[in-house]
């Protein structure tokens, strides 16, 4: 269609909003509450433009272009309206930018500079609300909230959790939880997508960098670190490199410079997860166990099913996530190799995920303590978790910057052994479909007695909400499915509870795109950025000398030296767990 923008004619595709159309032709209209694919509730009034014939300025984020439309994107009236709307937001916003969590990466701060605002002529009118720190994963600061509604939209529309919403009216309007109980006391899955889309610091992860530094500086502690697959394609962005940069070797070098005693890889226990989960699936298929079996690697997803679909808990794999398997192995198998008291070992996880902070503090995640209890005559006062701290990609970047590590110039280094040895199957855990693909590489070979003709299971790759594939294993058809986001998981669970699920195995990841789009990743995280991270994940898989979990020599060794066999007694004690029904409020 033909339109006129700022007195110049353009031909554009119909169906787009003024905001999107102007971006396509090279004009960036400022906006704040709008976020593509997440929120377009037009609450902030920053994106107003003038449309010929309209009675007032219109909000470009929700107004579609029409044939012959004449649009003005800047004028004295438009500039004044945008300035006034932003000044009104700033009136109730704390002026603590220099010490704010999002300083330098805050959309409100950036927009204030863009619009040239030097002062706020309006008085503060809203009362100061209490900070919500009830969650183990997230902290909400209502004073920094601009009521854009992005967090509400992503929680409701992408995750279908509805843990937060607008409450109150007028000056008492805030974003809060059911009866203002706090995120830690309602059906929040801790996924952190709210923090990822928040334009300010109204919702951030619970920072544990201070505690980690204290343990690193403590010479009596052996501080080991594990890094999730998605970190190697996210930390580079947070350190100023290009989006999706694959920086595995630099990341390892930086972690050593930070002071960790050993730098290990969660991909090691991703391979271990495949051995346990793959054999669990085979056992269920052969012995008439509960099907479909659903993966249990994503802690946000686990909490979601505990809250909303407790009748389907028996469909979950009993395997712990790779993070928790690592903690249990580090404080038992590795502690024995070092011949040290496991209480001296501190396990730090670097994760793209805020829900991992909650997961590591689940009361059942202390298998290493149970293992050592009688051997070392431990009491309940000696109780310790398998994983001590979880840091997000963003927290790790802060630690690198604080210690002056020049990340971009570092020479590449390799992970420590043996818990740093992994395969391509472990790498692809970072992308939606990766766990399924890794599991199939091993399970097919065990069941069929031969490897897959094509190791890349492309049918379960990509960002389609629900993907499926069918495998022919010695004449038996096995259907599998992959879902990312809890909205899509809900669709598969509804199928199961209606008795209509055709699948034997289902992978669920909480976050859009899988772990590479986790709530703890670098901000911003868009679909374009997710794709670049996914490309790097699959690139690393292709470059790995070993691409199947059961070929990992360190995995073979841990079974020979310690665990004996998949699904064996010790494996069940250390690597498997149970789940519980939770309320919906």
Protein backbone atom coordinates (compact mmCIF):
# COMPACT_ATOMS: atom_id res chain seq x y z
CA UNK A 1 0.00 0.00 0.00
CA UNK A 2 1.01 3.61 -0.47
CA UNK A 3 1.55 5.87 2.53
CA UNK A 4 3.28 9.17 3.24
CA UNK A 5 5.66 9.50 6.17
CA UNK A 6 7.12 12.89 7.04
CA UNK A 7 6.08 14.23 3.61
CA UNK A 8 7.77 11.41 1.66
CA UNK A 9 5.90 8.64 -0.21
CA UNK A 10 6.55 4.96 0.55
CA UNK A 11 5.20 1.63 -0.59
CA UNK A 12 4.82 -0.76 2.34
CA UNK A 13 3.21 -4.11 3.14
CA UNK A 14 -0.24 -3.98 4.66
CA UNK A 15 -1.00 -5.48 8.03
CA UNK A 16 1.79 -3.78 10.00
CA UNK A 17 1.56 -1.12 12.68
CA UNK A 18 2.89 2.37 12.15
CA UNK A 19 5.73 1.60 14.58
CA UNK A 20 6.84 -1.51 12.67
CA UNK A 21 6.37 0.10 9.27
CA UNK A 22 8.45 3.14 10.17
CA UNK A 23 11.21 0.88 11.46
CA UNK A 24 11.26 -0.94 8.11
CA UNK A 25 11.73 2.32 6.22
CA UNK A 26 14.48 3.53 8.55
CA UNK A 27 12.63 5.68 11.09
CA UNK A 28 12.86 4.62 14.72
CA UNK A 29 9.90 5.87 16.72
CA UNK A 30 10.74 5.87 20.43
CA UNK A 31 8.72 3.43 22.54
CA UNK A 32 8.85 1.94 26.00
CA UNK A 33 5.98 -0.41 26.87
CA UNK A 34 5.95 -2.07 23.44
CA UNK A 35 7.95 -5.27 22.95
CA UNK A 36 7.60 -7.27 19.75
CA UNK A 37 5.88 -10.64 20.22
CA UNK A 38 5.31 -9.90 23.91
CA UNK A 39 3.46 -6.70 24.73
CA UNK A 40 1.54 -3.99 22.88
CA UNK A 41 -0.83 -2.50 25.42
CA UNK A 42 0.00 1.13 24.50
CA UNK A 43 0.26 2.25 28.12
CA UNK A 44 3.23 4.62 28.03
CA UNK A 45 2.23 7.05 25.26
CA UNK A 46 5.84 7.53 24.14
CA UNK A 47 5.32 6.28 20.58
CA UNK A 48 2.67 8.84 19.59
CA UNK A 49 2.60 10.19 16.02
CA UNK A 50 0.31 12.48 14.05
CA UNK A 51 -1.98 10.92 11.46
CA UNK A 52 -3.77 13.29 9.13
CA UNK A 53 -7.48 13.32 9.91
CA UNK A 54 -7.14 11.88 13.42
CA UNK A 55 -8.59 13.96 16.25
CA UNK A 56 -5.61 13.35 18.54
CA UNK A 57 -2.10 11.97 18.36
CA UNK A 58 -2.22 8.19 17.89
CA UNK A 59 -0.14 5.47 19.51
CA UNK A 60 1.92 3.96 16.72
CA UNK A 61 2.47 0.57 18.41
CA UNK A 62 -1.20 -0.43 18.02
CA UNK A 63 -2.32 1.61 14.98
CA UNK A 64 -2.15 -0.20 11.66
CA UNK A 65 -1.21 1.58 8.45
CA UNK A 66 -3.92 2.15 5.87
CA UNK A 67 -3.84 2.98 2.18
CA UNK A 68 -3.09 6.67 1.67
CA UNK A 69 -2.30 7.31 5.35
CA UNK A 70 -0.25 10.46 5.98
CA UNK A 71 1.95 10.16 9.06
CA UNK A 72 4.12 12.71 10.82
CA UNK A 73 6.65 11.19 13.22
CA UNK A 74 8.13 14.35 14.69
CA UNK A 75 6.88 17.87 15.26
CA UNK A 76 6.80 20.32 18.16
CA UNK A 77 3.48 18.87 19.38
CA UNK A 78 4.66 15.27 19.07
CA UNK A 79 7.98 16.00 20.76
CA UNK A 80 6.22 17.78 23.62
CA UNK A 81 3.73 14.94 24.11
CA UNK A 82 6.51 12.35 24.29
CA UNK A 83 8.53 14.50 26.66
CA UNK A 84 5.57 15.11 28.97
CA UNK A 85 4.61 11.43 29.07
CA UNK A 86 8.17 10.44 29.94
CA UNK A 87 8.51 13.18 32.55
CA UNK A 88 5.36 11.89 34.25
CA UNK A 89 6.89 8.40 34.41
CA UNK A 90 10.15 9.78 35.76
CA UNK A 91 8.37 11.72 38.49
CA UNK A 92 7.67 8.51 40.40
CA UNK A 93 10.88 6.74 39.45
CA UNK A 94 13.87 6.68 41.86
CA UNK A 95 16.85 8.69 40.63
CA UNK A 96 19.47 6.10 41.61
CA UNK A 97 20.77 5.28 38.15
CA UNK A 98 24.42 5.16 39.18
CA UNK A 99 23.82 2.32 41.64
CA UNK A 100 20.96 0.62 39.80
CA UNK A 101 21.23 -2.98 38.63
CA UNK A 102 20.36 -1.96 35.07
CA UNK A 103 22.57 1.12 34.81
CA UNK A 104 23.83 1.29 31.24
CA UNK A 105 21.30 -1.29 30.06
CA UNK A 106 18.00 0.38 30.96
CA UNK A 107 15.46 1.36 28.33
CA UNK A 108 14.04 4.13 30.52
CA UNK A 109 17.50 5.60 31.00
CA UNK A 110 18.28 5.34 27.29
CA UNK A 111 14.98 6.97 26.32
CA UNK A 112 15.58 9.82 28.75
CA UNK A 113 18.85 10.54 26.96
CA UNK A 114 17.26 10.14 23.52
CA UNK A 115 14.51 12.65 24.29
CA UNK A 116 16.99 15.03 25.92
CA UNK A 117 15.25 15.25 29.29
CA UNK A 118 17.38 17.01 31.89
CA UNK A 119 14.85 17.55 34.67
CA UNK A 120 11.53 16.24 35.95
CA UNK A 121 9.15 19.13 36.70
CA UNK A 122 6.47 16.92 38.25
CA UNK A 123 6.27 15.97 41.91
CA UNK A 124 6.28 12.37 43.12
CA UNK A 125 2.72 11.21 43.68
CA UNK A 126 2.89 7.45 44.30
CA UNK A 127 3.61 5.87 47.69
CA UNK A 128 6.74 3.74 48.00
CA UNK A 129 5.87 0.04 47.87
CA UNK A 130 7.82 -2.66 49.70
CA UNK A 131 10.41 -4.73 47.83
CA UNK A 132 9.37 -8.33 47.22
CA UNK A 133 12.31 -10.63 48.02
CA UNK A 134 10.25 -13.71 48.94
CA UNK A 135 11.50 -15.66 45.92
CA UNK A 136 14.77 -17.62 45.85
CA UNK A 137 15.24 -16.54 42.24
CA UNK A 138 13.85 -13.06 41.66
CA UNK A 139 13.50 -9.70 43.39
CA UNK A 140 10.74 -7.20 42.54
CA UNK A 141 11.10 -3.49 43.25
CA UNK A 142 7.71 -1.81 42.59
CA UNK A 143 9.27 1.65 42.94
CA UNK A 144 11.17 1.07 39.70
CA UNK A 145 8.12 -0.26 37.87
CA UNK A 146 6.71 1.96 35.12
CA UNK A 147 3.53 -0.15 34.71
CA UNK A 148 4.40 -1.05 31.12
CA UNK A 149 2.80 -4.47 31.52
CA UNK A 150 5.53 -6.41 29.72
CA UNK A 151 6.09 -8.79 32.64
CA UNK A 152 2.38 -9.44 32.95
CA UNK A 153 2.09 -10.13 29.21
CA UNK A 154 5.00 -12.59 29.06
CA UNK A 155 3.80 -14.41 32.19
CA UNK A 156 0.22 -14.66 30.91
CA UNK A 157 0.58 -15.03 27.15
CA UNK A 158 3.92 -16.83 26.71
CA UNK A 159 3.95 -18.91 29.90
CA UNK A 160 0.21 -19.01 30.83
CA UNK A 161 1.19 -18.85 34.51
CA UNK A 162 -0.49 -15.55 35.50
CA UNK A 163 1.66 -15.17 38.61
CA UNK A 164 1.51 -11.36 38.43
CA UNK A 165 -1.01 -8.76 37.33
CA UNK A 166 -2.03 -5.13 37.80
CA UNK A 167 -3.62 -4.49 41.20
CA UNK A 168 -5.03 -1.33 42.73
CA UNK A 169 -6.37 1.72 40.91
CA UNK A 170 -5.09 5.17 40.08
CA UNK A 171 -2.06 6.14 42.15
CA UNK A 172 -2.31 2.80 43.96
CA UNK A 173 -1.79 0.80 40.74
CA UNK A 174 1.08 -1.66 40.99
CA UNK A 175 2.17 -4.95 39.53
CA UNK A 176 1.81 -7.60 42.22
CA UNK A 177 0.96 -11.20 43.01
CA UNK A 178 -2.14 -12.90 44.37
CA UNK A 179 -3.08 -11.04 47.59
CA UNK A 180 0.36 -9.39 47.43
CA UNK A 181 1.87 -12.58 48.88
CA UNK A 182 5.11 -12.25 46.90
CA UNK A 183 6.59 -14.34 44.11
CA UNK A 184 7.97 -16.90 46.54
CA UNK A 185 4.52 -17.70 47.89
CA UNK A 186 2.47 -18.08 44.70
CA UNK A 187 2.52 -20.28 41.59
CA UNK A 188 5.52 -18.53 40.05
CA UNK A 189 7.79 -20.90 38.10
CA UNK A 190 10.86 -18.65 38.60
CA UNK A 191 11.48 -18.71 34.84
CA UNK A 192 12.70 -15.09 34.86
CA UNK A 193 11.14 -14.15 31.54
CA UNK A 194 9.63 -11.18 33.40
CA UNK A 195 13.14 -9.97 34.28
CA UNK A 196 14.28 -10.53 30.70
CA UNK A 197 11.59 -8.27 29.23
CA UNK A 198 11.47 -5.63 31.98
CA UNK A 199 12.76 -2.29 30.61
CA UNK A 200 14.02 -1.17 34.03
CA UNK A 201 15.20 -2.91 37.20
CA UNK A 202 11.71 -3.54 38.56
CA UNK A 203 12.37 -7.31 38.38
CA UNK A 204 15.89 -8.72 38.57
CA UNK A 205 17.54 -11.99 39.56
CA UNK A 206 18.57 -12.47 43.19
CA UNK A 207 22.26 -11.55 43.17
CA UNK A 208 24.66 -14.03 44.79
CA UNK A 209 27.95 -12.69 43.45
CA UNK A 210 29.06 -11.36 46.84
CA UNK A 211 28.73 -14.79 48.47
CA UNK A 212 30.61 -16.46 45.59
CA UNK A 213 33.47 -13.97 45.83
CA UNK A 214 33.72 -14.66 49.57
CA UNK A 215 34.13 -18.39 48.96
CA UNK A 216 36.62 -17.86 46.14
CA UNK A 217 38.77 -15.79 48.52
CA UNK A 218 38.47 -18.41 51.27
CA UNK A 219 41.62 -20.57 51.04
CA UNK A 220 39.99 -23.34 53.06
CA UNK A 221 37.42 -23.94 50.31
CA UNK A 222 37.76 -25.78 47.01
CA UNK A 223 35.50 -23.78 44.71
CA UNK A 224 34.56 -25.50 41.47
CA UNK A 225 32.39 -24.05 38.74
CA UNK A 226 30.17 -25.67 36.14
CA UNK A 227 28.92 -23.85 33.05
CA UNK A 228 25.71 -24.66 31.18
CA UNK A 229 25.81 -25.09 27.38
CA UNK A 230 23.92 -21.84 26.74
CA UNK A 231 26.46 -19.74 28.66
CA UNK A 232 29.08 -20.13 25.91
CA UNK A 233 26.72 -18.42 23.45
CA UNK A 234 25.46 -15.75 25.87
CA UNK A 235 28.35 -14.46 27.98
CA UNK A 236 30.12 -12.96 24.96
CA UNK A 237 27.16 -10.65 24.35
CA UNK A 238 27.16 -9.59 27.99
CA UNK A 239 30.86 -8.72 27.64
CA UNK A 240 30.35 -6.57 24.53
CA UNK A 241 30.94 -9.12 21.77
CA UNK A 242 28.64 -9.85 18.85
CA UNK A 243 25.30 -11.53 19.46
CA UNK A 244 25.52 -15.30 19.71
CA UNK A 245 29.32 -15.29 19.81
CA UNK A 246 30.70 -18.77 20.57
CA UNK A 247 33.27 -18.11 23.31
CA UNK A 248 33.78 -21.44 25.08
CA UNK A 249 37.58 -21.19 25.39
CA UNK A 250 37.55 -17.52 26.45
CA UNK A 251 34.89 -18.28 29.05
CA UNK A 252 37.03 -21.05 30.57
CA UNK A 253 40.07 -18.75 30.69
CA UNK A 254 38.06 -15.95 32.32
CA UNK A 255 36.66 -18.29 34.99
CA UNK A 256 40.19 -19.39 35.90
CA UNK A 257 41.29 -15.77 36.15
CA UNK A 258 38.31 -15.13 38.40
CA UNK A 259 39.81 -17.59 40.90
CA UNK A 260 37.86 -20.83 40.59
CA UNK A 261 39.95 -23.85 41.56
CA UNK A 262 38.48 -26.03 38.82
CA UNK A 263 36.49 -25.12 35.74
CA UNK A 264 34.11 -27.89 34.73
CA UNK A 265 31.31 -28.28 32.21
CA UNK A 266 27.65 -29.03 32.88
CA UNK A 267 27.75 -30.78 29.52
CA UNK A 268 29.53 -33.65 31.29
CA UNK A 269 26.41 -34.31 33.34
CA UNK A 270 24.21 -33.54 30.34
CA UNK A 271 25.83 -36.64 28.85
CA UNK A 272 25.25 -38.42 32.17
CA UNK A 273 21.59 -37.33 32.06
CA UNK A 274 21.22 -38.89 28.62
CA UNK A 275 22.61 -42.19 29.90
CA UNK A 276 20.14 -42.25 32.79
CA UNK A 277 17.17 -40.73 30.98
CA UNK A 278 17.74 -42.79 27.83
CA UNK A 279 17.83 -46.04 29.79
CA UNK A 280 14.79 -44.93 31.79
CA UNK A 281 12.88 -44.40 28.54
CA UNK A 282 14.01 -47.80 27.21
CA UNK A 283 12.92 -49.43 30.48
CA UNK A 284 9.49 -47.82 30.29
CA UNK A 285 9.01 -48.86 26.66
CA UNK A 286 10.11 -52.45 27.28
CA UNK A 287 8.36 -52.93 30.63
CA UNK A 288 5.08 -51.11 30.06
CA UNK A 289 5.99 -48.08 32.16
CA UNK A 290 4.17 -44.74 32.13
CA UNK A 291 4.30 -43.09 28.71
CA UNK A 292 4.86 -40.56 27.41
CA UNK A 293 7.93 -39.92 29.52
CA UNK A 294 8.71 -36.22 29.81
CA UNK A 295 12.14 -34.68 30.34
CA UNK A 296 12.94 -33.13 33.72
CA UNK A 297 15.92 -30.88 32.94
CA UNK A 298 14.09 -27.54 33.12
CA UNK A 299 13.27 -26.46 36.72
CA UNK A 300 10.70 -23.86 35.68
CA UNK A 301 8.81 -26.56 33.83
CA UNK A 302 9.04 -28.90 36.84
CA UNK A 303 7.51 -26.29 39.14
CA UNK A 304 4.84 -25.57 36.52
CA UNK A 305 3.66 -29.19 36.38
CA UNK A 306 3.81 -29.44 40.18
CA UNK A 307 1.48 -26.44 40.43
CA UNK A 308 -0.91 -26.96 37.54
CA UNK A 309 -0.78 -30.63 36.45
CA UNK A 310 0.08 -32.70 39.53
CA UNK A 311 -1.92 -35.68 38.18
CA UNK A 312 0.71 -36.01 35.43
CA UNK A 313 3.79 -36.04 37.68
CA UNK A 314 4.29 -39.76 37.03
CA UNK A 315 5.03 -38.91 33.39
CA UNK A 316 8.16 -36.98 34.41
CA UNK A 317 11.53 -38.64 34.15
CA UNK A 318 12.91 -39.17 37.64
CA UNK A 319 16.30 -37.89 36.49
CA UNK A 320 17.66 -34.77 38.12
CA UNK A 321 18.74 -31.94 35.85
CA UNK A 322 22.37 -31.89 34.66
CA UNK A 323 23.06 -29.07 37.16
CA UNK A 324 21.94 -31.17 40.10
CA UNK A 325 23.60 -34.33 38.85
CA UNK A 326 26.84 -32.38 38.64
CA UNK A 327 26.58 -31.18 42.24
CA UNK A 328 25.91 -34.69 43.50
CA UNK A 329 28.82 -36.15 41.49
CA UNK A 330 31.22 -33.34 42.44
CA UNK A 331 30.65 -33.86 46.15
CA UNK A 332 30.86 -37.66 46.01
CA UNK A 333 32.79 -39.13 43.07
CA UNK A 334 35.09 -36.13 42.62
CA UNK A 335 35.54 -35.60 46.37
CA UNK A 336 36.71 -39.21 46.65
CA UNK A 337 39.14 -38.70 43.78
CA UNK A 338 40.58 -35.68 45.60
CA UNK A 339 40.40 -37.45 48.96
CA UNK A 340 38.91 -34.33 50.58
CA UNK A 341 36.03 -33.65 52.95
CA UNK A 342 33.01 -32.88 50.71
CA UNK A 343 32.10 -30.01 53.01
CA UNK A 344 35.16 -28.17 51.70
CA UNK A 345 33.88 -28.30 48.11
CA UNK A 346 31.76 -25.37 46.97
CA UNK A 347 29.87 -25.93 43.72
CA UNK A 348 28.95 -22.84 41.73
CA UNK A 349 26.73 -23.10 38.65
CA UNK A 350 26.72 -20.58 35.83
CA UNK A 351 23.28 -20.87 34.26
CA UNK A 352 21.15 -19.00 31.72
CA UNK A 353 18.26 -19.65 34.08
CA UNK A 354 16.87 -17.92 37.17
CA UNK A 355 14.79 -20.99 38.08
CA UNK A 356 18.03 -22.88 38.77
CA UNK A 357 18.47 -20.72 41.89
CA UNK A 358 15.25 -22.20 43.26
CA UNK A 359 16.09 -25.70 42.07
CA UNK A 360 19.39 -25.97 43.91
CA UNK A 361 17.66 -25.09 47.20
CA UNK A 362 14.91 -27.68 46.89
CA UNK A 363 15.14 -29.74 50.12
CA UNK A 364 15.63 -33.02 48.23
CA UNK A 365 18.73 -31.72 46.44
CA UNK A 366 21.20 -32.91 49.10
CA UNK A 367 22.09 -36.39 47.83
CA UNK A 368 25.78 -35.95 48.59
CA UNK A 369 24.98 -35.29 52.25
CA UNK A 370 22.93 -38.51 52.39
CA UNK A 371 25.80 -40.40 50.74
CA UNK A 372 28.37 -39.19 53.30
CA UNK A 373 26.13 -39.05 56.37
CA UNK A 374 27.03 -42.41 57.85
CA UNK A 375 30.55 -42.55 56.43
CA UNK A 376 31.58 -39.23 58.05
CA UNK A 377 29.13 -39.39 60.97
CA UNK A 378 27.43 -36.21 59.82
CA UNK A 379 24.53 -34.68 61.72
CA UNK A 380 21.69 -32.51 60.44
CA UNK A 381 23.77 -29.48 61.40
CA UNK A 382 26.29 -30.59 58.77
CA UNK A 383 23.60 -30.76 56.06
CA UNK A 384 24.68 -29.24 52.75
CA UNK A 385 23.21 -28.84 49.28
CA UNK A 386 24.71 -30.50 46.22
CA UNK A 387 24.93 -27.11 44.45
CA UNK A 388 25.76 -24.12 46.63
CA UNK A 389 25.19 -21.13 44.33
CA UNK A 390 23.69 -20.40 40.93
CA UNK A 391 24.81 -17.34 38.99
CA UNK A 392 23.14 -16.13 35.81
CA UNK A 393 24.95 -15.04 32.67
CA UNK A 394 24.39 -11.45 33.76
CA UNK A 395 25.84 -12.04 37.23
CA UNK A 396 28.94 -13.69 35.75
CA UNK A 397 29.47 -10.72 33.45
CA UNK A 398 29.36 -8.41 36.49
CA UNK A 399 32.04 -10.49 38.19
CA UNK A 400 34.28 -10.39 35.12
CA UNK A 401 33.91 -6.62 34.87
CA UNK A 402 34.45 -6.07 38.59
CA UNK A 403 37.77 -7.96 38.52
CA UNK A 404 38.98 -6.20 35.37
CA UNK A 405 39.06 -9.27 33.13
CA UNK A 406 39.53 -8.18 29.51
CA UNK A 407 37.33 -10.93 28.17
CA UNK A 408 37.64 -10.22 24.44
CA UNK A 409 41.45 -10.48 24.39
CA UNK A 410 41.78 -13.74 26.36
CA UNK A 411 43.45 -16.77 24.83
CA UNK A 412 41.26 -19.86 24.73
CA UNK A 413 41.69 -22.56 27.37
CA UNK A 414 40.17 -26.00 27.94
CA UNK A 415 37.97 -27.32 30.74
CA UNK A 416 39.51 -29.32 33.56
CA UNK A 417 39.17 -33.10 33.60
CA UNK A 418 37.36 -35.36 34.23
CA UNK A 419 34.15 -33.37 34.82
CA UNK A 420 34.90 -31.11 31.89
CA UNK A 421 34.84 -33.78 29.19
CA UNK A 422 31.68 -33.77 27.08
CA UNK A 423 30.20 -34.50 23.67
CA UNK A 424 28.15 -32.66 21.08
CA UNK A 425 25.06 -34.27 22.58
CA UNK A 426 25.72 -32.31 25.77
CA UNK A 427 26.18 -29.06 23.84
CA UNK A 428 22.77 -29.12 22.17
CA UNK A 429 20.99 -29.25 25.54
CA UNK A 430 21.18 -25.45 25.25
CA UNK A 431 18.61 -25.25 22.42
CA UNK A 432 15.00 -26.36 22.31
CA UNK A 433 14.91 -29.90 20.92
CA UNK A 434 18.47 -30.56 22.04
CA UNK A 435 17.67 -32.91 24.90
CA UNK A 436 15.40 -34.93 22.63
CA UNK A 437 18.00 -35.10 19.87
CA UNK A 438 20.75 -36.10 22.30
CA UNK A 439 18.56 -38.77 23.88
CA UNK A 440 17.57 -40.21 20.51
CA UNK A 441 21.22 -40.47 19.44
CA UNK A 442 21.84 -42.81 22.37
CA UNK A 443 18.46 -44.53 22.87
CA UNK A 444 18.13 -45.45 19.19
CA UNK A 445 21.60 -47.00 19.15
CA UNK A 446 20.90 -49.02 22.31
CA UNK A 447 17.49 -50.23 21.11
CA UNK A 448 18.31 -50.80 17.44
CA UNK A 449 21.86 -51.99 17.97
CA UNK A 450 23.16 -49.57 15.38
CA UNK A 451 23.66 -45.78 15.11
CA UNK A 452 21.23 -43.45 13.38
CA UNK A 453 21.84 -43.06 9.65
CA UNK A 454 21.66 -39.30 10.16
CA UNK A 455 22.82 -38.06 13.56
CA UNK A 456 21.27 -34.58 13.13
CA UNK A 457 17.58 -34.86 14.06
CA UNK A 458 16.54 -31.66 12.29
CA UNK A 459 12.82 -32.37 12.71
CA UNK A 460 13.02 -31.30 16.36
CA UNK A 461 15.17 -28.22 15.75
CA UNK A 462 13.92 -24.68 15.24
CA UNK A 463 11.55 -22.35 17.07
CA UNK A 464 8.17 -23.78 16.14
CA UNK A 465 6.18 -24.06 19.39
CA UNK A 466 5.58 -27.81 19.21
CA UNK A 467 7.66 -30.09 16.98
CA UNK A 468 7.37 -33.83 16.49
CA UNK A 469 9.21 -36.69 14.83
CA UNK A 470 8.67 -40.39 14.29
CA UNK A 471 11.43 -42.97 14.59
CA UNK A 472 11.42 -46.49 13.22
CA UNK A 473 13.31 -48.66 15.71
CA UNK A 474 13.55 -52.24 14.50
CA UNK A 475 10.06 -52.00 13.00
CA UNK A 476 8.50 -50.20 15.99
CA UNK A 477 7.24 -46.67 15.38
CA UNK A 478 8.11 -44.27 18.20
CA UNK A 479 6.67 -40.75 18.14
CA UNK A 480 8.41 -37.96 20.05
CA UNK A 481 7.53 -34.30 20.62
CA UNK A 482 9.32 -31.13 21.69
CA UNK A 483 7.77 -28.02 23.25
CA UNK A 484 9.25 -24.76 24.43
CA UNK A 485 7.40 -22.21 26.58
CA UNK A 486 4.91 -23.32 29.19
CA UNK A 487 2.00 -22.35 26.96
CA UNK A 488 3.01 -25.07 24.51
CA UNK A 489 3.75 -27.49 27.36
CA UNK A 490 0.19 -26.93 28.58
CA UNK A 491 -1.15 -28.07 25.20
CA UNK A 492 0.76 -31.36 25.42
CA UNK A 493 -0.25 -31.93 29.04
CA UNK A 494 -3.91 -31.40 28.16
CA UNK A 495 -3.49 -34.13 25.53
CA UNK A 496 -1.99 -36.47 28.13
CA UNK A 497 -4.72 -35.85 30.70
CA UNK A 498 -7.38 -36.43 28.03
CA UNK A 499 -5.72 -39.75 27.17
CA UNK A 500 -5.00 -38.64 23.60
CA UNK A 501 -1.21 -38.27 23.59
CA UNK A 502 0.39 -40.28 20.74
CA UNK A 503 3.94 -39.78 21.99
CA UNK A 504 6.41 -42.00 23.81
CA UNK A 505 8.83 -39.22 24.77
CA UNK A 506 8.35 -35.47 25.19
CA UNK A 507 10.89 -32.73 25.81
CA UNK A 508 9.76 -29.54 27.51
CA UNK A 509 11.83 -26.40 27.97
CA UNK A 510 10.40 -23.49 29.94
CA UNK A 511 11.87 -20.57 28.05
CA UNK A 512 11.34 -19.43 24.45
CA UNK A 513 14.02 -21.08 22.34
CA UNK A 514 15.14 -23.28 25.23
CA UNK A 515 17.96 -22.47 27.65
CA UNK A 516 19.63 -20.11 25.17
CA UNK A 517 16.61 -17.84 25.75
CA UNK A 518 16.67 -18.30 29.52
CA UNK A 519 15.59 -15.65 31.99
CA UNK A 520 19.18 -15.11 33.16
CA UNK A 521 20.67 -14.42 29.73
CA UNK A 522 22.02 -11.14 28.41
CA UNK A 523 19.49 -8.38 27.81
CA UNK A 524 18.04 -7.92 25.22
CA UNK A 525 17.07 -11.38 24.08
CA UNK A 526 15.02 -11.28 20.88
CA UNK A 527 14.10 -14.01 18.41
CA UNK A 528 16.86 -12.82 16.09
CA UNK A 529 19.37 -13.11 18.94
CA UNK A 530 18.01 -16.53 19.95
CA UNK A 531 18.59 -17.74 16.39
CA UNK A 532 22.21 -16.58 16.43
CA UNK A 533 22.78 -18.37 19.73
CA UNK A 534 21.18 -21.53 18.36
CA UNK A 535 23.40 -21.39 15.28
CA UNK A 536 26.46 -21.25 17.54
CA UNK A 537 25.18 -24.15 19.67
CA UNK A 538 24.83 -26.41 16.62
CA UNK A 539 28.16 -25.20 15.26
CA UNK A 540 29.91 -26.36 18.44
CA UNK A 541 28.10 -29.71 18.20
CA UNK A 542 29.40 -30.21 14.66
CA UNK A 543 32.94 -29.36 15.76
CA UNK A 544 33.02 -31.81 18.67
CA UNK A 545 35.09 -34.99 18.07
CA UNK A 546 32.45 -37.02 19.92
CA UNK A 547 28.74 -36.33 19.40
CA UNK A 548 26.96 -39.10 21.32
CA UNK A 549 26.74 -39.22 25.11
CA UNK A 550 27.56 -42.92 25.44
CA UNK A 551 30.88 -42.32 23.61
CA UNK A 552 32.13 -39.92 26.32
CA UNK A 553 35.17 -41.64 27.95
CA UNK A 554 34.61 -39.77 31.22
CA UNK A 555 31.04 -41.08 31.35
CA UNK A 556 32.28 -44.61 30.75
CA UNK A 557 34.81 -44.11 33.56
CA UNK A 558 32.31 -42.86 36.14
CA UNK A 559 30.16 -45.95 35.60
CA UNK A 560 33.16 -48.26 35.75
CA UNK A 561 34.68 -46.61 38.82
CA UNK A 562 31.66 -45.44 40.78
CA UNK A 563 28.08 -45.79 39.55
CA UNK A 564 28.35 -49.31 38.06
CA UNK A 565 25.43 -48.98 35.62
CA UNK A 566 22.64 -46.66 34.47
CA UNK A 567 19.57 -46.89 36.72
CA UNK A 568 21.64 -48.81 39.28
CA UNK A 569 21.26 -48.40 43.05
CA UNK A 570 23.84 -45.61 43.43
CA UNK A 571 22.54 -43.83 40.33
CA UNK A 572 19.08 -43.76 41.87
CA UNK A 573 20.47 -42.42 45.14
CA UNK A 574 22.49 -39.60 43.56
CA UNK A 575 21.03 -38.85 40.15
CA UNK A 576 17.27 -39.35 40.51
CA UNK A 577 14.65 -37.53 42.54
CA UNK A 578 10.92 -37.09 43.16
CA UNK A 579 8.44 -34.26 42.73
CA UNK A 580 5.59 -32.88 44.79
CA UNK A 581 2.13 -31.43 44.27
CA UNK A 582 1.92 -27.69 44.91
CA UNK A 583 -1.05 -25.33 45.12
CA UNK A 584 -2.00 -22.94 42.34
CA UNK A 585 -1.75 -19.84 44.59
